[in-house]
Amino acid sequence: MKHKKWIYAGILAVCAAVCIFALKKTGEKTESEEQQENLLNSRKETLRLWYTDESLTDYLNAAAVAYGENSDVRVEAVLIDDSEYLEAINEASLGRDERSKPDLYLITNDCLEKAYLAGLAGEISDQNMFLADEYENRGAAAAVTYDGKIVAYPFYYEACALLYNKTYLKDYAKLQLEIEMDQASEEMAGEEEDSGNVSEEAAGEELSHEFSEEEISRRAFECLPDTIAELGEFAENYDAPEQVEAVFKWDVSDIVYNYSFAGDHLIVGGENGDDPDDIDIYNLETLQCLTTFQELNQFFSIERSEVSYDSVMQDFLEGKIVFTVAGTEAVNRMANAKADGSFAYEYGFYSMPDLTEELKSRSLSITTCIAVNGYTELKEQANDFARFMMNDWTNGLKLQESTGKMPVYGFPLYDENYTFAGSYGESMPLPKMMTTGNFWVQMEIAFTNIWEGGDVNALLKSLSEQIMRQVTGDDSYTEEYIELPEPEVEEPEEEYIEET
């Protein structure tokens, strides 16, 4: 019996040793495979993508992994401090260390002239990209065109639109329909009474009608303002609920949300923002637009020092505002607020109202682009990855889902009527000219002074002269003074008195 136990014990020991050896060999094989995989990765060409917005980190890393899975190139996304960003790109590009040189980078469209002239951006490989149907977008084409050449890939953009509380507007629309129905009822009763065809029972009866959701929605849409005058009329006629503190309120301290009020007649660099011979700042139409802008303060009484974009958006979420000017980030913000219940109403986006029927508004747009470094030795690979990014991994809209940024490509989420896409397509891109690099700072100062009651004519004339002196190099450049026409005043008709 004891011999049998020894035999069994020996067999178990041998089996255990075999298992341990097998497991050890398996582990060694896995480790070897990992080493081989790392070796293969190390032999791949490496593209380095520089960027400055930390909120993009997870998205860019995921994009790098997705691209590397089906490519002989690996991508490394490098977050860079945005101070002196272009200078850092230039310094790294001219350095000897190839491992630190960016092969491509994210940059806003206003820096493209400087990048192109420094050799840090060149013509992209597909100069016909905007001929394709899905990229028939004037805003994107204008943003990345310099000197007649496409020098970057448009990635995502900022633009503005009117955000409104649809619940309030539908309540207002229903009330207007009821008023019209009551008026129609009174007119009908009066006509029947005059004709003697109304019974005593019928006298005083009112027409009754239950308005459908479709009728109310259609009237609410008709109530949306297409001009500033219509917005003013709405404010005068609107009987606001107790919680509403302002009919129209926006961040008047930021040029991005103010610019549309300068209208469609202020030109800096032409349609592509790169032509120093096409600058028209001081003109009659822009004077009229900015005069109207100044009058808005008298009507809506917004203190510049008391508002910010986030404070205004929070007031809107709490139902304190009917209309506001919102940026593209509001698309995801409002969708999320509606989904989690923090916004208890319906909402919608609409194009920015014109100043008048003659003076059209025009939004300012800022496009973040993907530029291929002119000093990279991997131009073909860099262009390929840029196209991969611009198409958002076959139009999956991962960028908007994960970061809230509005992509140039594809179909935007949560913006059913493509309001922002339309605004972007018709927008004025930030100019690329280095000689006008301080224009938007100066424009913001001018807007501030105009809003607070400054002389519109003097401020716009001074701004134009400053910019033109920079562009022309003529320190004595002076604009000819433009006299604003006096507003027409309708004279009352003389009452005709019949002679007896």
Foldseek 3Di string as FASTA:
>chain_A
DVVVVVVVVVVVVVVVVVVVVVVVVVVVVVVVVVVVVVVQLVPAAEAEEEEADPLCVVVVVVLQVVVVVPDSYGYHYDHDHPDCPLVVQLVLLPDDDPVSHHQKYKDWLLAVVVCVVSQFWDAAPDQCVCVDPQNVFLLQQLSQDAPNGRTFAFWFKKWKFKKFFLQLLLVVLVVVVVVVQQVVQVVVLVVCVVVVNDDPVRRPDGDDDDDDPVSSSVSSVVLDAQAVVSLLVCQVPRPDPPLAQFAEDEQLLACQQVQQLLFDQADACPQSQHHLVDGDQADQLSLVSLLLVLVVCVRGVDDNVPDDHVVVVLSVQVVHYGMYMDMLLVLVVVVVCVVVVSRPGDMATHGDHAHDPVTGTAGEMMTITMGGTSSDPPSVVSSVSRVCSLCPNVVPVVCCVSNVTGTLGDDDPNHVVCRVSVRSSRHRYNRNDPLCPCLSVLVSVLSVCSNVPHDSQVSSQVSVQVSNCSSVVDNPDGDDRDDHDDDDDDDDDDDDDDDD
